[in-house]
Amino acid sequence: MGILISLAVLSERATMQVYLDRTKCVRWQAACESCFSSRLTLKEFEVADCAMAVVSDGSEDITFQIKDRDGTNKILVITPEEEAEASDSWLLLWEKKEAEADKLKENPTAKS
């Protein structure tokens, strides 16, 4: 299971680690966003069709490891300040963070 690769690194900084496998769920993207938003608001991912595991460990961030339908593994760390944005769209937040990370790789001295 490649989705569980970085458990040791993630456990140092995440309040909750949530492992989702979208290949196990039949929801299309808009329904997935709605389901994710509801679960994020309640902090209750155990009951989602795509939930594989939920591990609590005490800080404020929530780290999601998401196996997407195309086979890619997405890691999304959501801070308390980002919860509203993630509630609107976890995928758009992930894309935004990926773009910011790519910019930093291209220009390590720039701030995002």
PDB file of N, CA and C in Angstrom:
ATOM      1  N   MET A   1       0.836  -1.193   0.000  1.00  0.00           N
ATOM      2  CA  MET A   1       0.000   0.000   0.000  1.00  0.00           C
ATOM      3  C   MET A   1       0.874   1.247   0.000  1.00  0.00           C
ATOM      4  N   GLY A   2       1.136   1.808  -1.148  1.00  0.00           N
ATOM      5  CA  GLY A   2       1.965   2.995  -1.275  1.00  0.00           C
ATOM      6  C   GLY A   2       1.425   4.212  -0.564  1.00  0.00           C
ATOM      7  N   ILE A   3       0.153   4.230  -0.245  1.00  0.00           N
ATOM      8  CA  ILE A   3      -0.447   5.403   0.398  1.00  0.00           C
ATOM      9  C   ILE A   3       0.043   5.586   1.833  1.00  0.00           C
ATOM     10  N   LEU A   4       0.617   4.557   2.439  1.00  0.00           N
ATOM     11  CA  LEU A   4       1.055   4.643   3.827  1.00  0.00           C
ATOM     12  C   LEU A   4       2.550   4.914   3.953  1.00  0.00           C
ATOM     13  N   ILE A   5       3.185   5.379   2.894  1.00  0.00           N
ATOM     14  CA  ILE A   5       4.627   5.543   2.829  1.00  0.00           C
ATOM     15  C   ILE A   5       5.218   6.391   3.953  1.00  0.00           C
ATOM     16  N   SER A   6       4.707   7.569   4.215  1.00  0.00           N
ATOM     17  CA  SER A   6       5.390   8.492   5.108  1.00  0.00           C
ATOM     18  C   SER A   6       4.755   8.605   6.486  1.00  0.00           C
ATOM     19  N   LEU A   7       4.365   7.524   7.077  1.00  0.00           N
ATOM     20  CA  LEU A   7       3.765   7.545   8.412  1.00  0.00           C
ATOM     21  C   LEU A   7       4.686   8.165   9.451  1.00  0.00           C
ATOM     22  N   ALA A   8       5.953   7.820   9.454  1.00  0.00           N
ATOM     23  CA  ALA A   8       6.869   8.317  10.483  1.00  0.00           C
ATOM     24  C   ALA A   8       7.007   9.827  10.417  1.00  0.00           C
ATOM     25  N   VAL A   9       7.147  10.367   9.229  1.00  0.00           N
ATOM     26  CA  VAL A   9       7.283  11.813   9.070  1.00  0.00           C
ATOM     27  C   VAL A   9       5.993  12.517   9.456  1.00  0.00           C
ATOM     28  N   LEU A  10       4.865  12.010   9.011  1.00  0.00           N
ATOM     29  CA  LEU A  10       3.590  12.668   9.265  1.00  0.00           C
ATOM     30  C   LEU A  10       3.208  12.642  10.733  1.00  0.00           C
ATOM     31  N   SER A  11       3.534  11.585  11.440  1.00  0.00           N
ATOM     32  CA  SER A  11       3.077  11.462  12.817  1.00  0.00           C
ATOM     33  C   SER A  11       3.701  12.495  13.735  1.00  0.00           C
ATOM     34  N   GLU A  12       4.798  13.108  13.324  1.00  0.00           N
ATOM     35  CA  GLU A  12       5.434  14.119  14.151  1.00  0.00           C
ATOM     36  C   GLU A  12       4.655  15.424  14.168  1.00  0.00           C
ATOM     37  N   ARG A  13       3.811  15.671  13.157  1.00  0.00           N
ATOM     38  CA  ARG A  13       3.221  16.998  13.086  1.00  0.00           C
ATOM     39  C   ARG A  13       1.715  17.030  12.856  1.00  0.00           C
ATOM     40  N   ALA A  14       1.059  15.925  12.779  1.00  0.00           N
ATOM     41  CA  ALA A  14      -0.358  15.939  12.422  1.00  0.00           C
ATOM     42  C   ALA A  14      -1.238  15.554  13.596  1.00  0.00           C
ATOM     43  N   THR A  15      -2.319  16.325  13.805  1.00  0.00           N
ATOM     44  CA  THR A  15      -3.271  15.970  14.847  1.00  0.00           C
ATOM     45  C   THR A  15      -4.029  14.724  14.459  1.00  0.00           C
ATOM     46  N   MET A  16      -4.330  14.661  13.211  1.00  0.00           N
ATOM     47  CA  MET A  16      -5.109  13.549  12.715  1.00  0.00           C
ATOM     48  C   MET A  16      -4.551  13.212  11.347  1.00  0.00           C
ATOM     49  N   GLN A  17      -4.322  11.950  11.140  1.00  0.00           N
ATOM     50  CA  GLN A  17      -3.925  11.478   9.824  1.00  0.00           C
ATOM     51  C   GLN A  17      -5.099  10.685   9.281  1.00  0.00           C
ATOM     52  N   VAL A  18      -5.509  11.040   8.091  1.00  0.00           N
ATOM     53  CA  VAL A  18      -6.667  10.392   7.493  1.00  0.00           C
ATOM     54  C   VAL A  18      -6.225   9.802   6.164  1.00  0.00           C
ATOM     55  N   TYR A  19      -6.463   8.518   5.991  1.00  0.00           N
ATOM     56  CA  TYR A  19      -6.093   7.814   4.773  1.00  0.00           C
ATOM     57  C   TYR A  19      -7.367   7.525   3.990  1.00  0.00           C
ATOM     58  N   LEU A  20      -7.452   8.125   2.813  1.00  0.00           N
ATOM     59  CA  LEU A  20      -8.637   7.970   1.975  1.00  0.00           C
ATOM     60  C   LEU A  20      -8.251   7.262   0.682  1.00  0.00           C
ATOM     61  N   ASP A  21      -9.104   6.384   0.214  1.00  0.00           N
ATOM     62  CA  ASP A  21      -8.892   5.690  -1.049  1.00  0.00           C
ATOM     63  C   ASP A  21     -10.130   5.920  -1.907  1.00  0.00           C
ATOM     64  N   ARG A  22     -10.010   6.872  -2.825  1.00  0.00           N
ATOM     65  CA  ARG A  22     -11.166   7.244  -3.646  1.00  0.00           C
ATOM     66  C   ARG A  22     -11.568   6.147  -4.621  1.00  0.00           C
ATOM     67  N   THR A  23     -10.728   5.150  -4.836  1.00  0.00           N
ATOM     68  CA  THR A  23     -11.123   4.043  -5.710  1.00  0.00           C
ATOM     69  C   THR A  23     -12.163   3.152  -5.038  1.00  0.00           C
ATOM     70  N   LYS A  24     -12.351   3.312  -3.740  1.00  0.00           N
ATOM     71  CA  LYS A  24     -13.324   2.507  -2.986  1.00  0.00           C
ATOM     72  C   LYS A  24     -14.694   3.184  -2.887  1.00  0.00           C
ATOM     73  N   CYS A  25     -14.836   4.365  -3.469  1.00  0.00           N
ATOM     74  CA  CYS A  25     -16.076   5.136  -3.351  1.00  0.00           C
ATOM     75  C   CYS A  25     -16.652   5.424  -4.741  1.00  0.00           C
ATOM     76  N   VAL A  26     -17.961   5.488  -4.838  1.00  0.00           N
ATOM     77  CA  VAL A  26     -18.610   5.727  -6.127  1.00  0.00           C
ATOM     78  C   VAL A  26     -18.955   7.197  -6.362  1.00  0.00           C
ATOM     79  N   ARG A  27     -18.683   8.066  -5.382  1.00  0.00           N
ATOM     80  CA  ARG A  27     -19.057   9.479  -5.532  1.00  0.00           C
ATOM     81  C   ARG A  27     -18.257  10.157  -6.637  1.00  0.00           C
ATOM     82  N   TRP A  28     -18.935  10.953  -7.453  1.00  0.00           N
ATOM     83  CA  TRP A  28     -18.258  11.779  -8.445  1.00  0.00           C
ATOM     84  C   TRP A  28     -17.656  12.973  -7.712  1.00  0.00           C
ATOM     85  N   GLN A  29     -16.866  13.805  -8.397  1.00  0.00           N
ATOM     86  CA  GLN A  29     -16.054  14.828  -7.727  1.00  0.00           C
ATOM     87  C   GLN A  29     -16.877  15.806  -6.880  1.00  0.00           C
ATOM     88  N   ALA A  30     -17.969  16.336  -7.410  1.00  0.00           N
ATOM     89  CA  ALA A  30     -18.762  17.307  -6.636  1.00  0.00           C
ATOM     90  C   ALA A  30     -19.339  16.662  -5.370  1.00  0.00           C
ATOM     91  N   ALA A  31     -19.787  15.432  -5.483  1.00  0.00           N
ATOM     92  CA  ALA A  31     -20.312  14.727  -4.309  1.00  0.00           C
ATOM     93  C   ALA A  31     -19.190  14.411  -3.320  1.00  0.00           C
ATOM     94  N   CYS A  32     -18.007  14.122  -3.831  1.00  0.00           N
ATOM     95  CA  CYS A  32     -16.839  13.888  -2.978  1.00  0.00           C
ATOM     96  C   CYS A  32     -16.514  15.151  -2.184  1.00  0.00           C
ATOM     97  N   GLU A  33     -16.529  16.300  -2.855  1.00  0.00           N
ATOM     98  CA  GLU A  33     -16.242  17.574  -2.177  1.00  0.00           C
ATOM     99  C   GLU A  33     -17.262  17.826  -1.062  1.00  0.00           C
ATOM    100  N   SER A  34     -18.520  17.556  -1.327  1.00  0.00           N
ATOM    101  CA  SER A  34     -19.571  17.754  -0.332  1.00  0.00           C
ATOM    102  C   SER A  34     -19.392  16.806   0.858  1.00  0.00           C
ATOM    103  N   CYS A  35     -19.111  15.548   0.575  1.00  0.00           N
ATOM    104  CA  CYS A  35     -18.885  14.552   1.625  1.00  0.00           C
ATOM    105  C   CYS A  35     -17.669  14.952   2.465  1.00  0.00           C
ATOM    106  N   PHE A  36     -16.588  15.340   1.796  1.00  0.00           N
ATOM    107  CA  PHE A  36     -15.365  15.755   2.489  1.00  0.00           C
ATOM    108  C   PHE A  36     -15.647  16.936   3.407  1.00  0.00           C
ATOM    109  N   SER A  37     -16.382  17.918   2.893  1.00  0.00           N
ATOM    110  CA  SER A  37     -16.708  19.112   3.675  1.00  0.00           C
ATOM    111  C   SER A  37     -17.486  18.748   4.940  1.00  0.00           C
ATOM    112  N   SER A  38     -18.477  17.897   4.793  1.00  0.00           N
ATOM    113  CA  SER A  38     -19.272  17.463   5.952  1.00  0.00           C
ATOM    114  C   SER A  38     -18.409  16.749   6.977  1.00  0.00           C
ATOM    115  N   ARG A  39     -17.562  15.850   6.504  1.00  0.00           N
ATOM    116  CA  ARG A  39     -16.693  15.084   7.412  1.00  0.00           C
ATOM    117  C   ARG A  39     -15.669  15.991   8.087  1.00  0.00           C
ATOM    118  N   LEU A  40     -15.130  16.967   7.342  1.00  0.00           N
ATOM    119  CA  LEU A  40     -14.146  17.895   7.909  1.00  0.00           C
ATOM    120  C   LEU A  40     -14.781  18.742   9.005  1.00  0.00           C
ATOM    121  N   THR A  41     -15.985  19.222   8.761  1.00  0.00           N
ATOM    122  CA  THR A  41     -16.690  20.034   9.755  1.00  0.00           C
ATOM    123  C   THR A  41     -16.901  19.253  11.051  1.00  0.00           C
ATOM    124  N   LEU A  42     -17.264  17.992  10.923  1.00  0.00           N
ATOM    125  CA  LEU A  42     -17.533  17.140  12.090  1.00  0.00           C
ATOM    126  C   LEU A  42     -16.285  16.449  12.638  1.00  0.00           C
ATOM    127  N   LYS A  43     -15.193  16.509  11.877  1.00  0.00           N
ATOM    128  CA  LYS A  43     -13.958  15.768  12.223  1.00  0.00           C
ATOM    129  C   LYS A  43     -14.267  14.283  12.397  1.00  0.00           C
ATOM    130  N   GLU A  44     -15.043  13.765  11.464  1.00  0.00           N
ATOM    131  CA  GLU A  44     -15.538  12.395  11.562  1.00  0.00           C
ATOM    132  C   GLU A  44     -15.375  11.695  10.220  1.00  0.00           C
ATOM    133  N   PHE A  45     -14.186  11.185   9.968  1.00  0.00           N
ATOM    134  CA  PHE A  45     -13.908  10.562   8.675  1.00  0.00           C
ATOM    135  C   PHE A  45     -14.092   9.053   8.684  1.00  0.00           C
ATOM    136  N   GLU A  46     -14.213   8.460   9.853  1.00  0.00           N
ATOM    137  CA  GLU A  46     -14.307   7.008   9.945  1.00  0.00           C
ATOM    138  C   GLU A  46     -15.484   6.438   9.162  1.00  0.00           C
ATOM    139  N   VAL A  47     -16.537   7.224   8.998  1.00  0.00           N
ATOM    140  CA  VAL A  47     -17.747   6.712   8.357  1.00  0.00           C
ATOM    141  C   VAL A  47     -17.794   6.958   6.848  1.00  0.00           C
ATOM    142  N   ALA A  48     -16.798   7.618   6.292  1.00  0.00           N
ATOM    143  CA  ALA A  48     -16.775   7.869   4.849  1.00  0.00           C
ATOM    144  C   ALA A  48     -16.496   6.564   4.107  1.00  0.00           C
ATOM    145  N   ASP A  49     -17.117   6.408   2.931  1.00  0.00           N
ATOM    146  CA  ASP A  49     -16.913   5.192   2.138  1.00  0.00           C
ATOM    147  C   ASP A  49     -15.453   4.989   1.750  1.00  0.00           C
ATOM    148  N   CYS A  50     -14.737   6.088   1.562  1.00  0.00           N
ATOM    149  CA  CYS A  50     -13.354   6.000   1.098  1.00  0.00           C
ATOM    150  C   CYS A  50     -12.347   5.917   2.240  1.00  0.00           C
ATOM    151  N   ALA A  51     -12.785   6.048   3.487  1.00  0.00           N
ATOM    152  CA  ALA A  51     -11.861   6.061   4.627  1.00  0.00           C
ATOM    153  C   ALA A  51     -11.244   4.685   4.841  1.00  0.00           C
ATOM    154  N   MET A  52      -9.930   4.649   4.882  1.00  0.00           N
ATOM    155  CA  MET A  52      -9.204   3.414   5.144  1.00  0.00           C
ATOM    156  C   MET A  52      -8.702   3.376   6.582  1.00  0.00           C
ATOM    157  N   ALA A  53      -8.276   4.540   7.099  1.00  0.00           N
ATOM    158  CA  ALA A  53      -7.775   4.606   8.476  1.00  0.00           C
ATOM    159  C   ALA A  53      -7.779   6.051   8.944  1.00  0.00           C
ATOM    160  N   VAL A  54      -7.973   6.232  10.237  1.00  0.00           N
ATOM    161  CA  VAL A  54      -7.892   7.546  10.867  1.00  0.00           C
ATOM    162  C   VAL A  54      -7.057   7.365  12.131  1.00  0.00           C
ATOM    163  N   VAL A  55      -6.001   8.176  12.250  1.00  0.00           N
ATOM    164  CA  VAL A  55      -5.103   8.087  13.399  1.00  0.00           C
ATOM    165  C   VAL A  55      -5.014   9.461  14.040  1.00  0.00           C
ATOM    166  N   SER A  56      -5.355   9.567  15.317  1.00  0.00           N
ATOM    167  CA  SER A  56      -5.243  10.835  16.047  1.00  0.00           C
ATOM    168  C   SER A  56      -3.921  10.858  16.785  1.00  0.00           C
ATOM    169  N   ASP A  57      -3.265  12.056  16.788  1.00  0.00           N
ATOM    170  CA  ASP A  57      -2.019  12.133  17.531  1.00  0.00           C
ATOM    171  C   ASP A  57      -1.721  13.480  18.181  1.00  0.00           C
ATOM    172  N   GLY A  58      -2.647  14.436  18.194  1.00  0.00           N
ATOM    173  CA  GLY A  58      -2.534  15.564  19.097  1.00  0.00           C
ATOM    174  C   GLY A  58      -2.260  16.986  18.686  1.00  0.00           C
ATOM    175  N   SER A  59      -1.759  17.314  17.510  1.00  0.00           N
ATOM    176  CA  SER A  59      -1.552  18.726  17.187  1.00  0.00           C
ATOM    177  C   SER A  59      -2.776  19.276  16.466  1.00  0.00           C
ATOM    178  N   GLU A  60      -2.627  20.436  15.837  1.00  0.00           N
ATOM    179  CA  GLU A  60      -3.806  21.085  15.249  1.00  0.00           C
ATOM    180  C   GLU A  60      -4.038  20.776  13.768  1.00  0.00           C
ATOM    181  N   ASP A  61      -3.009  20.391  13.038  1.00  0.00           N
ATOM    182  CA  ASP A  61      -3.156  20.136  11.604  1.00  0.00           C
ATOM    183  C   ASP A  61      -3.796  18.766  11.357  1.00  0.00           C
ATOM    184  N   ILE A  62      -4.433  18.645  10.203  1.00  0.00           N
ATOM    185  CA  ILE A  62      -4.963  17.348   9.776  1.00  0.00           C
ATOM    186  C   ILE A  62      -4.255  16.995   8.474  1.00  0.00           C
ATOM    187  N   THR A  63      -3.652  15.822   8.437  1.00  0.00           N
ATOM    188  CA  THR A  63      -2.946  15.372   7.244  1.00  0.00           C
ATOM    189  C   THR A  63      -3.772  14.294   6.561  1.00  0.00           C
ATOM    190  N   PHE A  64      -4.045  14.526   5.295  1.00  0.00           N
ATOM    191  CA  PHE A  64      -4.787  13.558   4.489  1.00  0.00           C
ATOM    192  C   PHE A  64      -3.832  12.917   3.500  1.00  0.00           C
ATOM    193  N   GLN A  65      -3.858  11.607   3.444  1.00  0.00           N
ATOM    194  CA  GLN A  65      -3.192  10.883   2.370  1.00  0.00           C
ATOM    195  C   GLN A  65      -4.323  10.296   1.547  1.00  0.00           C
ATOM    196  N   ILE A  66      -4.394  10.744   0.308  1.00  0.00           N
ATOM    197  CA  ILE A  66      -5.531  10.400  -0.546  1.00  0.00           C
ATOM    198  C   ILE A  66      -5.039   9.637  -1.768  1.00  0.00           C
ATOM    199  N   LYS A  67      -5.491   8.404  -1.904  1.00  0.00           N
ATOM    200  CA  LYS A  67      -5.231   7.666  -3.136  1.00  0.00           C
ATOM    201  C   LYS A  67      -6.360   8.040  -4.085  1.00  0.00           C
ATOM    202  N   ASP A  68      -6.002   8.724  -5.157  1.00  0.00           N
ATOM    203  CA  ASP A  68      -7.029   9.206  -6.074  1.00  0.00           C
ATOM    204  C   ASP A  68      -7.361   8.146  -7.118  1.00  0.00           C
ATOM    205  N   ARG A  69      -8.409   8.388  -7.853  1.00  0.00           N
ATOM    206  CA  ARG A  69      -8.884   7.407  -8.837  1.00  0.00           C
ATOM    207  C   ARG A  69      -7.885   7.153  -9.957  1.00  0.00           C
ATOM    208  N   ASP A  70      -7.040   8.145 -10.234  1.00  0.00           N
ATOM    209  CA  ASP A  70      -6.045   7.968 -11.292  1.00  0.00           C
ATOM    210  C   ASP A  70      -4.799   7.232 -10.790  1.00  0.00           C
ATOM    211  N   GLY A  71      -4.825   6.800  -9.529  1.00  0.00           N
ATOM    212  CA  GLY A  71      -3.711   6.051  -8.967  1.00  0.00           C
ATOM    213  C   GLY A  71      -2.666   6.900  -8.260  1.00  0.00           C
ATOM    214  N   THR A  72      -2.778   8.224  -8.356  1.00  0.00           N
ATOM    215  CA  THR A  72      -1.808   9.085  -7.683  1.00  0.00           C
ATOM    216  C   THR A  72      -2.125   9.181  -6.195  1.00  0.00           C
ATOM    217  N   ASN A  73      -1.080   9.391  -5.421  1.00  0.00           N
ATOM    218  CA  ASN A  73      -1.234   9.616  -3.982  1.00  0.00           C
ATOM    219  C   ASN A  73      -1.056  11.095  -3.716  1.00  0.00           C
ATOM    220  N   LYS A  74      -2.046  11.694  -3.107  1.00  0.00           N
ATOM    221  CA  LYS A  74      -2.013  13.119  -2.791  1.00  0.00           C
ATOM    222  C   LYS A  74      -1.887  13.275  -1.280  1.00  0.00           C
ATOM    223  N   ILE A  75      -0.981  14.149  -0.854  1.00  0.00           N
ATOM    224  CA  ILE A  75      -0.863  14.470   0.568  1.00  0.00           C
ATOM    225  C   ILE A  75      -1.322  15.906   0.739  1.00  0.00           C
ATOM    226  N   LEU A  76      -2.285  16.103   1.614  1.00  0.00           N
ATOM    227  CA  LEU A  76      -2.842  17.430   1.878  1.00  0.00           C
ATOM    228  C   LEU A  76      -2.839  17.668   3.379  1.00  0.00           C
ATOM    229  N   VAL A  77      -2.062  18.670   3.808  1.00  0.00           N
ATOM    230  CA  VAL A  77      -2.035  19.058   5.217  1.00  0.00           C
ATOM    231  C   VAL A  77      -2.908  20.299   5.359  1.00  0.00           C
ATOM    232  N   ILE A  78      -3.915  20.212   6.215  1.00  0.00           N
ATOM    233  CA  ILE A  78      -4.853  21.319   6.417  1.00  0.00           C
ATOM    234  C   ILE A  78      -4.648  21.883   7.814  1.00  0.00           C
ATOM    235  N   THR A  79      -4.297  23.165   7.866  1.00  0.00           N
ATOM    236  CA  THR A  79      -4.171  23.856   9.149  1.00  0.00           C
ATOM    237  C   THR A  79      -5.556  24.336   9.566  1.00  0.00           C
ATOM    238  N   PRO A  80      -5.740  24.692  10.833  1.00  0.00           N
ATOM    239  CA  PRO A  80      -7.045  25.220  11.249  1.00  0.00           C
ATOM    240  C   PRO A  80      -7.465  26.440  10.422  1.00  0.00           C
ATOM    241  N   GLU A  81      -6.499  27.256  10.023  1.00  0.00           N
ATOM    242  CA  GLU A  81      -6.810  28.451   9.226  1.00  0.00           C
ATOM    243  C   GLU A  81      -7.277  28.100   7.815  1.00  0.00           C
ATOM    244  N   GLU A  82      -6.950  26.918   7.337  1.00  0.00           N
ATOM    245  CA  GLU A  82      -7.312  26.510   5.975  1.00  0.00           C
ATOM    246  C   GLU A  82      -8.581  25.662   5.911  1.00  0.00           C
ATOM    247  N   GLU A  83      -9.185  25.380   7.044  1.00  0.00           N
ATOM    248  CA  GLU A  83     -10.345  24.483   7.042  1.00  0.00           C
ATOM    249  C   GLU A  83     -11.510  25.004   6.207  1.00  0.00           C
ATOM    250  N   ALA A  84     -11.772  26.308   6.241  1.00  0.00           N
ATOM    251  CA  ALA A  84     -12.878  26.856   5.440  1.00  0.00           C
ATOM    252  C   ALA A  84     -12.594  26.671   3.951  1.00  0.00           C
ATOM    253  N   GLU A  85     -11.360  26.939   3.548  1.00  0.00           N
ATOM    254  CA  GLU A  85     -10.986  26.767   2.140  1.00  0.00           C
ATOM    255  C   GLU A  85     -11.071  25.293   1.735  1.00  0.00           C
ATOM    256  N   ALA A  86     -10.628  24.403   2.606  1.00  0.00           N
ATOM    257  CA  ALA A  86     -10.702  22.965   2.326  1.00  0.00           C
ATOM    258  C   ALA A  86     -12.148  22.496   2.269  1.00  0.00           C
ATOM    259  N   SER A  87     -13.003  23.113   3.067  1.00  0.00           N
ATOM    260  CA  SER A  87     -14.425  22.777   3.053  1.00  0.00           C
ATOM    261  C   SER A  87     -15.061  23.143   1.720  1.00  0.00           C
ATOM    262  N   ASP A  88     -14.595  24.230   1.132  1.00  0.00           N
ATOM    263  CA  ASP A  88     -15.093  24.618  -0.196  1.00  0.00           C
ATOM    264  C   ASP A  88     -14.649  23.617  -1.250  1.00  0.00           C
ATOM    265  N   SER A  89     -13.361  23.233  -1.207  1.00  0.00           N
ATOM    266  CA  SER A  89     -12.848  22.260  -2.169  1.00  0.00           C
ATOM    267  C   SER A  89     -11.481  21.756  -1.728  1.00  0.00           C
ATOM    268  N   TRP A  90     -11.425  20.510  -1.288  1.00  0.00           N
ATOM    269  CA  TRP A  90     -10.136  19.944  -0.902  1.00  0.00           C
ATOM    270  C   TRP A  90      -9.217  19.863  -2.111  1.00  0.00           C
ATOM    271  N   LEU A  91      -9.789  19.579  -3.288  1.00  0.00           N
ATOM    272  CA  LEU A  91      -8.972  19.423  -4.487  1.00  0.00           C
ATOM    273  C   LEU A  91      -8.345  20.750  -4.916  1.00  0.00           C
ATOM    274  N   LEU A  92      -9.122  21.834  -4.872  1.00  0.00           N
ATOM    275  CA  LEU A  92      -8.559  23.142  -5.228  1.00  0.00           C
ATOM    276  C   LEU A  92      -7.477  23.566  -4.238  1.00  0.00           C
ATOM    277  N   LEU A  93      -7.668  23.277  -2.952  1.00  0.00           N
ATOM    278  CA  LEU A  93      -6.641  23.596  -1.958  1.00  0.00           C
ATOM    279  C   LEU A  93      -5.386  22.773  -2.225  1.00  0.00           C
ATOM    280  N   TRP A  94      -5.549  21.502  -2.530  1.00  0.00           N
ATOM    281  CA  TRP A  94      -4.394  20.656  -2.841  1.00  0.00           C
ATOM    282  C   TRP A  94      -3.653  21.198  -4.063  1.00  0.00           C
ATOM    283  N   GLU A  95      -4.395  21.560  -5.122  1.00  0.00           N
ATOM    284  CA  GLU A  95      -3.767  22.105  -6.330  1.00  0.00           C
ATOM    285  C   GLU A  95      -3.019  23.400  -6.022  1.00  0.00           C
ATOM    286  N   LYS A  96      -3.615  24.257  -5.200  1.00  0.00           N
ATOM    287  CA  LYS A  96      -2.978  25.516  -4.810  1.00  0.00           C
ATOM    288  C   LYS A  96      -1.671  25.252  -4.064  1.00  0.00           C
ATOM    289  N   LYS A  97      -1.711  24.332  -3.115  1.00  0.00           N
ATOM    290  CA  LYS A  97      -0.510  24.020  -2.339  1.00  0.00           C
ATOM    291  C   LYS A  97       0.566  23.382  -3.212  1.00  0.00           C
ATOM    292  N   GLU A  98       0.161  22.556  -4.151  1.00  0.00           N
ATOM    293  CA  GLU A  98       1.126  21.954  -5.072  1.00  0.00           C
ATOM    294  C   GLU A  98       1.792  23.024  -5.933  1.00  0.00           C
ATOM    295  N   ALA A  99       1.007  23.989  -6.417  1.00  0.00           N
ATOM    296  CA  ALA A  99       1.560  25.081  -7.226  1.00  0.00           C
ATOM    297  C   ALA A  99       2.549  25.909  -6.403  1.00  0.00           C
ATOM    298  N   GLU A 100       2.204  26.183  -5.139  1.00  0.00           N
ATOM    299  CA  GLU A 100       3.108  26.932  -4.259  1.00  0.00           C
ATOM    300  C   GLU A 100       4.395  26.155  -4.014  1.00  0.00           C
ATOM    301  N   ALA A 101       4.288  24.852  -3.809  1.00  0.00           N
ATOM    302  CA  ALA A 101       5.475  24.017  -3.587  1.00  0.00           C
ATOM    303  C   ALA A 101       6.352  23.991  -4.834  1.00  0.00           C
ATOM    304  N   ASP A 102       5.725  23.925  -6.014  1.00  0.00           N
ATOM    305  CA  ASP A 102       6.486  23.944  -7.266  1.00  0.00           C
ATOM    306  C   ASP A 102       7.234  25.257  -7.436  1.00  0.00           C
ATOM    307  N   LYS A 103       6.586  26.378  -7.085  1.00  0.00           N
ATOM    308  CA  LYS A 103       7.250  27.686  -7.171  1.00  0.00           C
ATOM    309  C   LYS A 103       8.467  27.736  -6.263  1.00  0.00           C
ATOM    310  N   LEU A 104       8.331  27.200  -5.051  1.00  0.00           N
ATOM    311  CA  LEU A 104       9.457  27.185  -4.114  1.00  0.00           C
ATOM    312  C   LEU A 104      10.602  26.316  -4.622  1.00  0.00           C
ATOM    313  N   LYS A 105      10.278  25.232  -5.304  1.00  0.00           N
ATOM    314  CA  LYS A 105      11.325  24.378  -5.878  1.00  0.00           C
ATOM    315  C   LYS A 105      12.086  25.126  -6.960  1.00  0.00           C
ATOM    316  N   GLU A 106      11.349  25.913  -7.768  1.00  0.00           N
ATOM    317  CA  GLU A 106      11.970  26.680  -8.844  1.00  0.00           C
ATOM    318  C   GLU A 106      12.802  27.829  -8.303  1.00  0.00           C
ATOM    319  N   ASN A 107      12.318  28.469  -7.226  1.00  0.00           N
ATOM    320  CA  ASN A 107      12.990  29.625  -6.647  1.00  0.00           C
ATOM    321  C   ASN A 107      12.967  29.493  -5.124  1.00  0.00           C
ATOM    322  N   PRO A 108      13.923  28.765  -4.550  1.00  0.00           N
ATOM    323  CA  PRO A 108      13.904  28.479  -3.109  1.00  0.00           C
ATOM    324  C   PRO A 108      13.971  29.709  -2.207  1.00  0.00           C
ATOM    325  N   THR A 109      14.417  30.851  -2.707  1.00  0.00           N
ATOM    326  CA  THR A 109      14.509  32.050  -1.866  1.00  0.00           C
ATOM    327  C   THR A 109      13.213  32.847  -1.839  1.00  0.00           C
ATOM    328  N   ALA A 110      12.266  32.521  -2.714  1.00  0.00           N
ATOM    329  CA  ALA A 110      10.984  33.244  -2.762  1.00  0.00           C
ATOM    330  C   ALA A 110      10.054  32.724  -1.674  1.00  0.00           C
ATOM    331  N   LYS A 111       9.235  33.618  -1.140  1.00  0.00           N
ATOM    332  CA  LYS A 111       8.210  33.221  -0.167  1.00  0.00           C
ATOM    333  C   LYS A 111       6.887  33.071  -0.890  1.00  0.00           C
ATOM    334  N   SER A 112       6.051  32.121  -0.430  1.00  0.00           N
ATOM    335  CA  SER A 112       4.746  31.929  -1.073  1.00  0.00           C
ATOM    336  C   SER A 112       3.731  32.881  -0.541  1.00  0.00           C
TER     337      SER A 112
END
